[in-house]
């Protein structure tokens, strides 16, 4: 049995960790984009409510 197989003999799932991470990210890019949009909307809403709260507190 060979100790260090050649790259062609290695299965796809045994690729180096960087390649596996890139493949994982490419498969999930739509989910990541949706979560980023959700986070941006959540942050914008939080900022708007905070500004209104500060404005109301200043008026009272």
N, C-alpha and C. Protein backbone atom coordinates (compact mmCIF):
# COMPACT_ATOMS: atom_id res chain seq x y z
N UNK A 1 0.84 -1.18 0.00
CA UNK A 1 0.00 0.00 0.00
C UNK A 1 0.89 1.24 0.00
N UNK A 2 0.45 2.22 -0.71
CA UNK A 2 1.21 3.46 -0.88
C UNK A 2 0.94 4.40 0.30
N UNK A 3 2.00 5.00 0.85
CA UNK A 3 1.86 5.89 2.01
C UNK A 3 1.28 7.25 1.63
N UNK A 4 1.82 7.86 0.60
CA UNK A 4 1.37 9.18 0.15
C UNK A 4 0.79 9.04 -1.25
N UNK A 5 -0.54 8.91 -1.38
CA UNK A 5 -1.12 8.74 -2.70
C UNK A 5 -0.96 9.99 -3.55
N UNK A 6 -0.93 9.80 -4.82
CA UNK A 6 -0.86 10.92 -5.76
C UNK A 6 -2.19 11.66 -5.73
N UNK A 7 -2.20 12.95 -6.07
CA UNK A 7 -3.46 13.72 -6.05
C UNK A 7 -4.56 13.09 -6.90
N UNK A 8 -4.21 12.48 -8.01
CA UNK A 8 -5.22 11.86 -8.87
C UNK A 8 -5.85 10.66 -8.19
N UNK A 9 -5.12 10.02 -7.26
CA UNK A 9 -5.64 8.84 -6.57
C UNK A 9 -6.48 9.20 -5.35
N UNK A 10 -6.44 10.46 -4.96
CA UNK A 10 -7.17 10.88 -3.76
C UNK A 10 -8.63 11.15 -4.09
N UNK A 11 -9.55 10.78 -3.22
CA UNK A 11 -10.96 11.10 -3.47
C UNK A 11 -11.19 12.59 -3.34
N UNK A 12 -12.29 13.07 -3.93
CA UNK A 12 -12.60 14.51 -3.92
C UNK A 12 -12.77 15.06 -2.51
N UNK A 13 -13.37 14.28 -1.63
CA UNK A 13 -13.63 14.79 -0.28
C UNK A 13 -12.38 14.84 0.59
N UNK A 14 -11.25 14.38 0.07
CA UNK A 14 -10.00 14.43 0.84
C UNK A 14 -9.11 15.59 0.37
N UNK A 15 -9.69 16.57 -0.34
CA UNK A 15 -8.92 17.71 -0.81
C UNK A 15 -8.43 18.52 0.38
N UNK A 16 -7.51 19.41 0.14
CA UNK A 16 -6.98 20.19 1.25
C UNK A 16 -8.07 21.07 1.87
N UNK A 17 -7.92 21.48 3.12
CA UNK A 17 -8.97 22.21 3.82
C UNK A 17 -9.40 23.51 3.15
N UNK A 18 -8.47 24.21 2.51
CA UNK A 18 -8.83 25.46 1.84
C UNK A 18 -9.77 25.20 0.67
N UNK A 19 -9.50 24.17 -0.09
CA UNK A 19 -10.37 23.83 -1.23
C UNK A 19 -11.74 23.41 -0.73
N UNK A 20 -11.78 22.62 0.35
CA UNK A 20 -13.06 22.21 0.90
C UNK A 20 -13.85 23.42 1.41
N UNK A 21 -13.18 24.37 2.03
CA UNK A 21 -13.86 25.57 2.54
C UNK A 21 -14.43 26.40 1.39
N UNK A 22 -13.68 26.52 0.32
CA UNK A 22 -14.16 27.28 -0.84
C UNK A 22 -15.36 26.59 -1.46
N UNK A 23 -15.29 25.28 -1.61
CA UNK A 23 -16.43 24.54 -2.17
C UNK A 23 -17.66 24.69 -1.29
N UNK A 24 -17.46 24.63 0.03
CA UNK A 24 -18.56 24.78 0.98
C UNK A 24 -19.20 26.16 0.82
N UNK A 25 -18.37 27.20 0.70
CA UNK A 25 -18.88 28.57 0.58
C UNK A 25 -19.62 28.78 -0.74
N UNK A 26 -19.12 28.21 -1.81
CA UNK A 26 -19.77 28.35 -3.12
C UNK A 26 -21.15 27.70 -3.09
N UNK A 27 -21.25 26.54 -2.45
CA UNK A 27 -22.54 25.85 -2.38
C UNK A 27 -23.55 26.63 -1.55
N UNK A 28 -23.10 27.45 -0.62
CA UNK A 28 -24.01 28.14 0.28
C UNK A 28 -24.05 29.65 0.07
N UNK A 29 -23.65 30.13 -1.09
CA UNK A 29 -23.58 31.58 -1.30
C UNK A 29 -24.95 32.23 -1.27
N UNK A 30 -25.99 31.56 -1.76
CA UNK A 30 -27.33 32.16 -1.74
C UNK A 30 -27.83 32.31 -0.30
N UNK A 31 -27.59 31.33 0.52
CA UNK A 31 -27.98 31.41 1.92
C UNK A 31 -27.20 32.52 2.62
N UNK A 32 -25.91 32.61 2.33
CA UNK A 32 -25.09 33.66 2.95
C UNK A 32 -25.57 35.05 2.54
N UNK A 33 -25.94 35.21 1.27
CA UNK A 33 -26.43 36.51 0.80
C UNK A 33 -27.74 36.87 1.48
N UNK A 34 -28.61 35.88 1.64
CA UNK A 34 -29.89 36.12 2.32
C UNK A 34 -29.67 36.51 3.77
N UNK A 35 -28.76 35.85 4.45
CA UNK A 35 -28.48 36.18 5.84
C UNK A 35 -27.84 37.55 5.98
N UNK A 36 -26.99 37.92 5.02
CA UNK A 36 -26.38 39.26 5.05
C UNK A 36 -27.45 40.33 4.86
N UNK A 37 -28.39 40.12 3.94
CA UNK A 37 -29.47 41.07 3.73
C UNK A 37 -30.35 41.16 4.97
N UNK A 38 -30.64 40.03 5.57
CA UNK A 38 -31.43 40.02 6.79
C UNK A 38 -30.73 40.82 7.89
N UNK A 39 -29.44 40.61 8.05
CA UNK A 39 -28.67 41.34 9.05
C UNK A 39 -28.64 42.84 8.79
N UNK A 40 -28.50 43.21 7.52
CA UNK A 40 -28.48 44.63 7.18
C UNK A 40 -29.84 45.28 7.47
N UNK A 41 -30.93 44.59 7.15
CA UNK A 41 -32.26 45.13 7.44
C UNK A 41 -32.49 45.23 8.95
N UNK A 42 -32.06 44.23 9.68
CA UNK A 42 -32.21 44.23 11.14
C UNK A 42 -31.43 45.41 11.73
N UNK A 43 -30.22 45.63 11.26
CA UNK A 43 -29.40 46.73 11.75
C UNK A 43 -30.00 48.08 11.42
N UNK A 44 -30.54 48.21 10.21
CA UNK A 44 -31.17 49.47 9.80
C UNK A 44 -32.39 49.76 10.65
N UNK A 45 -33.20 48.75 10.89
CA UNK A 45 -34.38 48.94 11.72
C UNK A 45 -34.01 49.30 13.15
N UNK A 46 -33.01 48.65 13.68
CA UNK A 46 -32.55 48.95 15.04
C UNK A 46 -32.05 50.39 15.14
N UNK A 47 -31.30 50.82 14.13
CA UNK A 47 -30.78 52.19 14.12
C UNK A 47 -31.92 53.20 14.04
N UNK A 48 -32.92 52.92 13.20
CA UNK A 48 -34.04 53.85 13.05
C UNK A 48 -34.82 53.97 14.37
N UNK A 49 -35.08 52.86 15.02
CA UNK A 49 -35.82 52.90 16.29
C UNK A 49 -34.99 53.63 17.35
N UNK A 50 -33.70 53.42 17.35
CA UNK A 50 -32.84 54.10 18.32
C UNK A 50 -32.84 55.61 18.11
N UNK A 51 -32.76 56.02 16.86
CA UNK A 51 -32.78 57.46 16.55
C UNK A 51 -34.10 58.08 16.97
N UNK A 52 -35.21 57.41 16.70
CA UNK A 52 -36.52 57.93 17.10
C UNK A 52 -36.60 58.00 18.63
N UNK A 53 -36.09 56.98 19.32
CA UNK A 53 -36.13 56.99 20.79
C UNK A 53 -35.32 58.15 21.35
N UNK A 54 -34.14 58.39 20.79
CA UNK A 54 -33.30 59.50 21.27
C UNK A 54 -33.98 60.83 20.96
N UNK A 55 -34.59 60.94 19.80
CA UNK A 55 -35.28 62.18 19.41
C UNK A 55 -36.45 62.45 20.34
N UNK A 56 -37.26 61.41 20.63
CA UNK A 56 -38.39 61.58 21.54
C UNK A 56 -37.92 61.93 22.95
N UNK A 57 -36.86 61.31 23.38
CA UNK A 57 -36.35 61.60 24.73
C UNK A 57 -35.86 63.05 24.81
N UNK A 58 -35.27 63.53 23.72
CA UNK A 58 -34.79 64.92 23.68
C UNK A 58 -35.96 65.90 23.72
N UNK A 59 -37.07 65.55 23.06
CA UNK A 59 -38.23 66.43 23.04
C UNK A 59 -38.91 66.49 24.40
N UNK A 60 -38.88 65.42 25.15
CA UNK A 60 -39.58 65.39 26.45
C UNK A 60 -38.68 65.87 27.51
